């Protein structure tokens, strides 16, 4: 991130405050040092430029995308806190992978059904005498 007006890069460990020489990157505050920021964090005292944002929404500052992490933060509860936005990488599933998973699940379910429901019936059917030896029922 570049410092406003100077074009210098921010040092990773340094904390900057709003002043006439370096206004707040969010609201442009210059009257006092209420707004503070560093390489990976901005605490804007008024948040006036981004009052329309809800937590989680993003804002472009100096060519970088920042998201509103907290509202009513800080010791006085009057600051908006912004953090650099890094989009989450979600795994890309192809149709073949999804089909393989569902086919595998189907096989597992069929095996469980077979052992739970059909296996006891199979054993019961093996205990029956051969049909040739059975007597017809005469009523």
N, C-alpha and C. Protein backbone atom coordinates (compact mmCIF):
# COMPACT_ATOMS: atom_id res chain seq x y z
N UNK A 1 0.85 -1.18 0.00
CA UNK A 1 0.00 0.00 0.00
C UNK A 1 0.89 1.23 0.00
N UNK A 2 0.49 2.22 -0.75
CA UNK A 2 1.25 3.46 -0.81
C UNK A 2 0.67 4.48 0.17
N UNK A 3 1.56 5.27 0.73
CA UNK A 3 1.08 6.37 1.57
C UNK A 3 0.46 7.43 0.69
N UNK A 4 -0.67 7.99 1.07
CA UNK A 4 -1.26 9.06 0.28
C UNK A 4 -0.29 10.24 0.19
N UNK A 5 -0.23 10.87 -0.92
CA UNK A 5 0.54 12.08 -1.18
C UNK A 5 2.03 11.85 -1.31
N UNK A 6 2.59 10.77 -0.76
CA UNK A 6 4.04 10.63 -0.79
C UNK A 6 4.52 9.62 -1.81
N UNK A 7 3.73 8.58 -2.08
CA UNK A 7 4.14 7.56 -3.03
C UNK A 7 5.10 6.54 -2.45
N UNK A 8 5.42 6.62 -1.14
CA UNK A 8 6.33 5.65 -0.53
C UNK A 8 5.56 4.41 -0.13
N UNK A 9 6.24 3.29 -0.14
CA UNK A 9 5.63 2.03 0.30
C UNK A 9 5.57 1.99 1.82
N UNK A 10 4.52 1.35 2.35
CA UNK A 10 4.40 1.21 3.80
C UNK A 10 5.36 0.15 4.31
N UNK A 11 6.00 0.44 5.42
CA UNK A 11 6.83 -0.57 6.08
C UNK A 11 5.91 -1.53 6.82
N UNK A 12 6.32 -2.79 6.93
CA UNK A 12 5.45 -3.81 7.51
C UNK A 12 5.14 -3.55 8.99
N UNK A 13 6.06 -3.07 9.77
CA UNK A 13 5.86 -2.94 11.22
C UNK A 13 5.46 -1.54 11.65
N UNK A 14 5.50 -0.57 10.77
CA UNK A 14 5.25 0.82 11.17
C UNK A 14 3.75 1.12 11.25
N UNK A 15 3.38 1.93 12.24
CA UNK A 15 2.00 2.37 12.41
C UNK A 15 1.93 3.85 12.01
N UNK A 16 1.04 4.18 11.09
CA UNK A 16 0.89 5.54 10.61
C UNK A 16 -0.37 6.15 11.19
N UNK A 17 -0.37 7.47 11.38
CA UNK A 17 -1.55 8.17 11.88
C UNK A 17 -1.93 9.27 10.91
N UNK A 18 -3.19 9.65 10.93
CA UNK A 18 -3.66 10.70 10.02
C UNK A 18 -3.10 12.05 10.44
N UNK A 19 -2.74 12.85 9.46
CA UNK A 19 -2.22 14.21 9.69
C UNK A 19 -2.37 14.99 8.39
N UNK A 20 -1.93 16.24 8.41
CA UNK A 20 -2.01 17.04 7.18
C UNK A 20 -1.13 16.45 6.08
N UNK A 21 -0.01 15.86 6.46
CA UNK A 21 0.91 15.29 5.46
C UNK A 21 0.46 13.92 4.96
N UNK A 22 -0.26 13.19 5.79
CA UNK A 22 -0.74 11.86 5.36
C UNK A 22 -2.18 11.66 5.81
N UNK A 23 -3.14 12.02 4.95
CA UNK A 23 -4.55 11.85 5.32
C UNK A 23 -4.94 10.37 5.39
N UNK A 24 -6.02 10.10 6.08
CA UNK A 24 -6.52 8.74 6.22
C UNK A 24 -6.86 8.18 4.83
N UNK A 25 -6.42 6.96 4.51
CA UNK A 25 -6.71 6.40 3.19
C UNK A 25 -8.20 6.13 2.96
N UNK A 26 -9.00 6.02 4.02
CA UNK A 26 -10.42 5.74 3.86
C UNK A 26 -11.23 7.03 3.79
N UNK A 27 -11.13 7.88 4.81
CA UNK A 27 -12.00 9.07 4.88
C UNK A 27 -11.28 10.37 4.55
N UNK A 28 -9.96 10.36 4.44
CA UNK A 28 -9.22 11.58 4.12
C UNK A 28 -9.04 12.51 5.30
N UNK A 29 -9.23 12.05 6.52
CA UNK A 29 -9.15 12.86 7.74
C UNK A 29 -7.75 13.45 7.89
N UNK A 30 -7.68 14.79 8.16
CA UNK A 30 -6.39 15.45 8.36
C UNK A 30 -6.35 16.29 9.64
N UNK A 31 -7.50 16.48 10.31
CA UNK A 31 -7.54 17.42 11.43
C UNK A 31 -6.87 16.89 12.69
N UNK A 32 -6.81 15.56 12.87
CA UNK A 32 -6.14 15.00 14.05
C UNK A 32 -5.62 13.61 13.69
N UNK A 33 -5.07 12.94 14.68
CA UNK A 33 -4.44 11.63 14.43
C UNK A 33 -5.33 10.47 14.87
N UNK A 34 -6.65 10.63 14.72
CA UNK A 34 -7.57 9.57 15.16
C UNK A 34 -7.54 8.34 14.26
N UNK A 35 -7.28 8.51 12.98
CA UNK A 35 -7.22 7.37 12.06
C UNK A 35 -5.79 6.82 12.06
N UNK A 36 -5.69 5.50 12.09
CA UNK A 36 -4.38 4.85 12.11
C UNK A 36 -4.38 3.70 11.12
N UNK A 37 -3.21 3.38 10.60
CA UNK A 37 -3.11 2.25 9.67
C UNK A 37 -1.70 1.72 9.63
N UNK A 38 -1.62 0.49 9.20
CA UNK A 38 -0.33 -0.16 8.98
C UNK A 38 -0.44 -0.95 7.69
N UNK A 39 0.50 -1.82 7.45
CA UNK A 39 0.55 -2.60 6.22
C UNK A 39 -0.69 -3.47 6.03
N UNK A 40 -1.22 -4.03 7.11
CA UNK A 40 -2.32 -4.98 6.98
C UNK A 40 -3.54 -4.63 7.84
N UNK A 41 -3.73 -3.34 8.13
CA UNK A 41 -4.81 -2.96 9.03
C UNK A 41 -5.06 -1.46 8.91
N UNK A 42 -6.33 -1.05 8.83
CA UNK A 42 -6.70 0.37 8.83
C UNK A 42 -7.80 0.55 9.88
N UNK A 43 -7.58 1.52 10.78
CA UNK A 43 -8.60 1.88 11.76
C UNK A 43 -9.03 3.31 11.46
N UNK A 44 -10.19 3.45 10.82
CA UNK A 44 -10.70 4.77 10.43
C UNK A 44 -11.65 5.26 11.52
N UNK A 45 -11.35 6.42 12.08
CA UNK A 45 -12.12 6.93 13.22
C UNK A 45 -13.58 7.18 12.86
N UNK A 46 -13.82 7.86 11.76
CA UNK A 46 -15.21 8.18 11.44
C UNK A 46 -15.82 7.20 10.46
N UNK A 47 -15.02 6.68 9.54
CA UNK A 47 -15.55 5.76 8.54
C UNK A 47 -16.55 6.43 7.62
N UNK A 48 -16.51 7.77 7.54
CA UNK A 48 -17.53 8.52 6.80
C UNK A 48 -17.58 8.15 5.32
N UNK A 49 -16.45 7.86 4.73
CA UNK A 49 -16.42 7.55 3.31
C UNK A 49 -17.05 6.20 3.01
N UNK A 50 -17.13 5.34 4.01
CA UNK A 50 -17.64 3.99 3.77
C UNK A 50 -18.77 3.63 4.73
N UNK A 51 -19.61 4.60 5.08
CA UNK A 51 -20.72 4.32 5.99
C UNK A 51 -21.74 3.36 5.39
N UNK A 52 -21.76 3.26 4.07
CA UNK A 52 -22.73 2.39 3.41
C UNK A 52 -22.32 0.92 3.46
N UNK A 53 -21.09 0.64 3.87
CA UNK A 53 -20.61 -0.75 3.88
C UNK A 53 -21.11 -1.52 5.10
N UNK A 54 -21.36 -2.78 4.90
CA UNK A 54 -21.66 -3.71 5.98
C UNK A 54 -20.41 -4.56 6.23
N UNK A 55 -20.22 -5.10 7.42
CA UNK A 55 -19.05 -5.95 7.66
C UNK A 55 -18.97 -7.07 6.63
N UNK A 56 -17.76 -7.22 6.07
CA UNK A 56 -17.53 -8.23 5.04
C UNK A 56 -17.50 -7.66 3.64
N UNK A 57 -18.08 -6.47 3.43
CA UNK A 57 -18.07 -5.87 2.10
C UNK A 57 -16.72 -5.21 1.85
N UNK A 58 -16.39 -5.01 0.58
CA UNK A 58 -15.06 -4.54 0.21
C UNK A 58 -15.07 -3.11 -0.30
N UNK A 59 -13.86 -2.53 -0.32
CA UNK A 59 -13.64 -1.15 -0.73
C UNK A 59 -12.26 -1.09 -1.37
N UNK A 60 -12.12 -0.34 -2.46
CA UNK A 60 -10.81 -0.19 -3.10
C UNK A 60 -10.09 1.01 -2.48
N UNK A 61 -8.88 0.77 -1.98
CA UNK A 61 -8.06 1.83 -1.40
C UNK A 61 -6.67 1.71 -2.01
N UNK A 62 -6.27 2.74 -2.74
CA UNK A 62 -4.93 2.79 -3.31
C UNK A 62 -4.62 1.57 -4.18
N UNK A 63 -5.62 1.10 -4.92
CA UNK A 63 -5.41 -0.03 -5.82
C UNK A 63 -5.52 -1.39 -5.17
N UNK A 64 -5.74 -1.44 -3.87
CA UNK A 64 -5.90 -2.72 -3.17
C UNK A 64 -7.33 -2.83 -2.64
N UNK A 65 -7.81 -4.05 -2.56
CA UNK A 65 -9.16 -4.28 -2.06
C UNK A 65 -9.09 -4.58 -0.56
N UNK A 66 -9.88 -3.85 0.24
CA UNK A 66 -9.95 -4.02 1.69
C UNK A 66 -11.38 -4.36 2.05
N UNK A 67 -11.56 -5.17 3.10
CA UNK A 67 -12.92 -5.48 3.56
C UNK A 67 -13.13 -4.89 4.95
N UNK A 68 -14.37 -4.52 5.22
CA UNK A 68 -14.73 -3.96 6.52
C UNK A 68 -14.81 -5.11 7.51
N UNK A 69 -13.86 -5.16 8.44
CA UNK A 69 -13.78 -6.26 9.40
C UNK A 69 -14.62 -6.01 10.65
N UNK A 70 -14.71 -4.75 11.09
CA UNK A 70 -15.45 -4.46 12.33
C UNK A 70 -15.99 -3.04 12.29
N UNK A 71 -17.16 -2.87 12.88
CA UNK A 71 -17.79 -1.56 13.04
C UNK A 71 -17.85 -1.30 14.54
N UNK A 72 -17.75 -0.03 14.93
CA UNK A 72 -17.75 0.36 16.34
C UNK A 72 -16.63 -0.35 17.10
N UNK A 73 -15.43 -0.33 16.52
CA UNK A 73 -14.27 -0.97 17.13
C UNK A 73 -13.40 0.09 17.80
N UNK A 74 -12.29 -0.34 18.35
CA UNK A 74 -11.39 0.56 19.03
C UNK A 74 -11.81 0.80 20.47
N UNK A 75 -10.98 1.50 21.22
CA UNK A 75 -11.27 1.69 22.65
C UNK A 75 -12.49 2.58 22.87
N UNK A 76 -12.79 3.49 21.94
CA UNK A 76 -13.96 4.36 22.11
C UNK A 76 -15.18 3.85 21.35
N UNK A 77 -15.00 2.82 20.54
CA UNK A 77 -16.12 2.27 19.77
C UNK A 77 -16.53 3.15 18.60
N UNK A 78 -15.63 4.01 18.14
CA UNK A 78 -15.95 4.93 17.05
C UNK A 78 -15.17 4.63 15.77
N UNK A 79 -14.53 3.50 15.69
CA UNK A 79 -13.69 3.20 14.53
C UNK A 79 -14.26 2.09 13.68
N UNK A 80 -13.96 2.18 12.39
CA UNK A 80 -14.21 1.09 11.46
C UNK A 80 -12.85 0.45 11.18
N UNK A 81 -12.78 -0.87 11.26
CA UNK A 81 -11.51 -1.57 11.03
C UNK A 81 -11.58 -2.28 9.68
N UNK A 82 -10.55 -2.07 8.88
CA UNK A 82 -10.45 -2.67 7.55
C UNK A 82 -9.23 -3.58 7.50
N UNK A 83 -9.36 -4.67 6.74
CA UNK A 83 -8.26 -5.61 6.54
C UNK A 83 -8.14 -5.89 5.05
N UNK A 84 -6.95 -6.28 4.58
CA UNK A 84 -6.80 -6.60 3.15
C UNK A 84 -7.70 -7.79 2.78
N UNK A 85 -8.33 -7.67 1.63
CA UNK A 85 -9.23 -8.73 1.16
C UNK A 85 -8.44 -9.74 0.33
N UNK A 86 -8.50 -11.00 0.74
CA UNK A 86 -7.92 -12.08 -0.05
C UNK A 86 -9.04 -13.08 -0.32
N UNK A 87 -9.48 -13.20 -1.57
CA UNK A 87 -10.58 -14.11 -1.86
C UNK A 87 -10.22 -15.54 -1.53
N UNK A 88 -11.19 -16.27 -0.99
CA UNK A 88 -10.95 -17.68 -0.65
C UNK A 88 -10.91 -18.51 -1.92
N UNK A 89 -10.01 -19.47 -1.93
CA UNK A 89 -9.92 -20.40 -3.05
C UNK A 89 -10.80 -21.60 -2.74
N UNK A 90 -11.82 -21.80 -3.53
CA UNK A 90 -12.70 -22.95 -3.33
C UNK A 90 -12.31 -24.03 -4.32
N UNK A 91 -12.32 -25.29 -3.89
CA UNK A 91 -11.94 -26.36 -4.81
C UNK A 91 -12.96 -26.49 -5.94
N UNK A 92 -12.43 -26.74 -7.12
CA UNK A 92 -13.29 -26.92 -8.29
C UNK A 92 -13.61 -28.39 -8.45
N UNK A 93 -14.88 -28.74 -8.33
CA UNK A 93 -15.31 -30.12 -8.51
C UNK A 93 -15.84 -30.29 -9.92
N UNK A 94 -15.40 -31.33 -10.57
CA UNK A 94 -15.92 -31.63 -11.89
C UNK A 94 -17.05 -32.63 -11.75
N UNK A 95 -17.82 -32.76 -12.79
CA UNK A 95 -18.96 -33.67 -12.76
C UNK A 95 -18.50 -35.11 -12.54
N UNK A 96 -17.36 -35.50 -13.13
CA UNK A 96 -16.87 -36.87 -12.98
C UNK A 96 -16.55 -37.19 -11.53
N UNK A 97 -15.92 -36.24 -10.82
CA UNK A 97 -15.60 -36.48 -9.42
C UNK A 97 -16.87 -36.64 -8.60
N UNK A 98 -17.86 -35.80 -8.87
CA UNK A 98 -19.12 -35.89 -8.13
C UNK A 98 -19.83 -37.20 -8.43
N UNK A 99 -19.81 -37.63 -9.69
CA UNK A 99 -20.44 -38.90 -10.05
C UNK A 99 -19.73 -40.06 -9.38
N UNK A 100 -18.39 -40.01 -9.34
CA UNK A 100 -17.64 -41.10 -8.72
C UNK A 100 -17.98 -41.20 -7.24
N UNK A 101 -18.10 -40.08 -6.59
CA UNK A 101 -18.45 -40.09 -5.16
C UNK A 101 -19.85 -40.65 -4.97
N UNK A 102 -20.79 -40.25 -5.79
CA UNK A 102 -22.16 -40.73 -5.61
C UNK A 102 -22.27 -42.21 -5.97
N UNK A 103 -21.54 -42.68 -6.99
CA UNK A 103 -21.57 -44.11 -7.33
C UNK A 103 -20.97 -44.93 -6.19
N UNK A 104 -19.88 -44.44 -5.63
CA UNK A 104 -19.25 -45.14 -4.50
C UNK A 104 -20.20 -45.19 -3.31
N UNK A 105 -20.87 -44.08 -3.03
CA UNK A 105 -21.85 -44.05 -1.94
C UNK A 105 -22.98 -45.04 -2.19
N UNK A 106 -23.43 -45.14 -3.43
CA UNK A 106 -24.50 -46.07 -3.77
C UNK A 106 -24.07 -47.51 -3.53
N UNK A 107 -22.85 -47.85 -3.91
CA UNK A 107 -22.34 -49.21 -3.69
C UNK A 107 -22.26 -49.52 -2.20
N UNK A 108 -21.76 -48.58 -1.43
CA UNK A 108 -21.66 -48.78 0.02
C UNK A 108 -23.04 -48.96 0.62
N UNK A 109 -24.00 -48.15 0.20
CA UNK A 109 -25.36 -48.28 0.73
C UNK A 109 -25.98 -49.63 0.36
N UNK A 110 -25.75 -50.10 -0.87
CA UNK A 110 -26.28 -51.40 -1.28
C UNK A 110 -25.67 -52.53 -0.47
N UNK A 111 -24.37 -52.46 -0.21
CA UNK A 111 -23.70 -53.49 0.60
C UNK A 111 -24.25 -53.51 2.02
N UNK A 112 -24.44 -52.34 2.58
CA UNK A 112 -24.99 -52.27 3.94
C UNK A 112 -26.41 -52.84 3.97
N UNK A 113 -27.21 -52.51 2.96
CA UNK A 113 -28.57 -53.03 2.89
C UNK A 113 -28.54 -54.55 2.76
N UNK A 114 -27.68 -55.07 1.92
CA UNK A 114 -27.59 -56.52 1.72
C UNK A 114 -27.27 -57.23 3.03
N UNK A 115 -26.27 -56.76 3.75
CA UNK A 115 -25.88 -57.42 5.00
C UNK A 115 -26.91 -57.22 6.11
N UNK A 116 -27.61 -56.12 6.12
CA UNK A 116 -28.58 -55.86 7.17
C UNK A 116 -29.92 -56.56 6.90
N UNK A 117 -30.39 -56.55 5.66
CA UNK A 117 -31.73 -57.04 5.35
C UNK A 117 -31.74 -58.41 4.66
N UNK A 118 -30.90 -58.60 3.68
CA UNK A 118 -30.99 -59.81 2.87
C UNK A 118 -30.20 -60.99 3.43
N UNK A 119 -29.12 -60.73 4.10
CA UNK A 119 -28.28 -61.82 4.62
C UNK A 119 -29.05 -62.73 5.59
N UNK A 120 -29.79 -62.19 6.55
CA UNK A 120 -30.56 -63.08 7.44
C UNK A 120 -31.59 -63.92 6.67
N UNK A 121 -32.21 -63.38 5.66
CA UNK A 121 -33.19 -64.12 4.86
C UNK A 121 -32.51 -65.22 4.05
N UNK A 122 -31.30 -64.95 3.60
CA UNK A 122 -30.55 -65.96 2.85
C UNK A 122 -30.28 -67.18 3.75
N UNK A 123 -29.86 -66.94 4.97
CA UNK A 123 -29.59 -68.05 5.90
C UNK A 123 -30.88 -68.81 6.22
N UNK A 124 -31.98 -68.10 6.38
CA UNK A 124 -33.26 -68.76 6.65
C UNK A 124 -33.69 -69.62 5.46
N UNK A 125 -33.45 -69.16 4.27
CA UNK A 125 -33.84 -69.95 3.09
C UNK A 125 -32.96 -71.19 2.93
N UNK A 126 -31.74 -71.15 3.39
CA UNK A 126 -30.86 -72.33 3.29
C UNK A 126 -31.28 -73.41 4.29
N UNK A 127 -31.98 -73.04 5.35
CA UNK A 127 -32.43 -74.02 6.34
C UNK A 127 -33.68 -74.79 5.88
N UNK A 128 -34.32 -74.35 4.83
CA UNK A 128 -35.51 -75.05 4.32
C UNK A 128 -35.10 -76.36 3.66
N UNK A 129 -35.95 -77.39 3.72
CA UNK A 129 -35.64 -78.64 3.02
C UNK A 129 -35.79 -78.45 1.51
N UNK A 130 -35.21 -79.33 0.76
CA UNK A 130 -35.32 -79.27 -0.70
C UNK A 130 -36.77 -79.39 -1.11
N UNK A 131 -37.19 -78.70 -2.12
CA UNK A 131 -38.61 -78.67 -2.49
C UNK A 131 -39.11 -80.02 -2.97
N UNK A 132 -38.18 -80.86 -3.49
CA UNK A 132 -38.61 -82.19 -3.94
C UNK A 132 -39.08 -83.05 -2.78
N UNK A 133 -38.56 -82.80 -1.60
CA UNK A 133 -38.89 -83.61 -0.43
C UNK A 133 -40.12 -83.09 0.32
N UNK A 134 -40.65 -81.97 -0.07
CA UNK A 134 -41.79 -81.38 0.64
C UNK A 134 -43.09 -82.08 0.22
N UNK A 135 -44.00 -82.25 1.16
CA UNK A 135 -45.31 -82.84 0.93
C UNK A 135 -46.29 -81.72 0.55
N UNK A 136 -47.15 -81.95 -0.40
CA UNK A 136 -48.15 -80.93 -0.73
C UNK A 136 -49.14 -80.78 0.41
N UNK A 137 -49.61 -79.59 0.60
CA UNK A 137 -50.62 -79.30 1.62
C UNK A 137 -51.99 -79.66 1.06
N UNK A 138 -52.65 -80.56 1.72
CA UNK A 138 -53.98 -80.95 1.26
C UNK A 138 -54.97 -80.49 2.32
N UNK A 139 -55.90 -79.73 1.90
CA UNK A 139 -56.91 -79.27 2.85
C UNK A 139 -58.27 -79.78 2.50
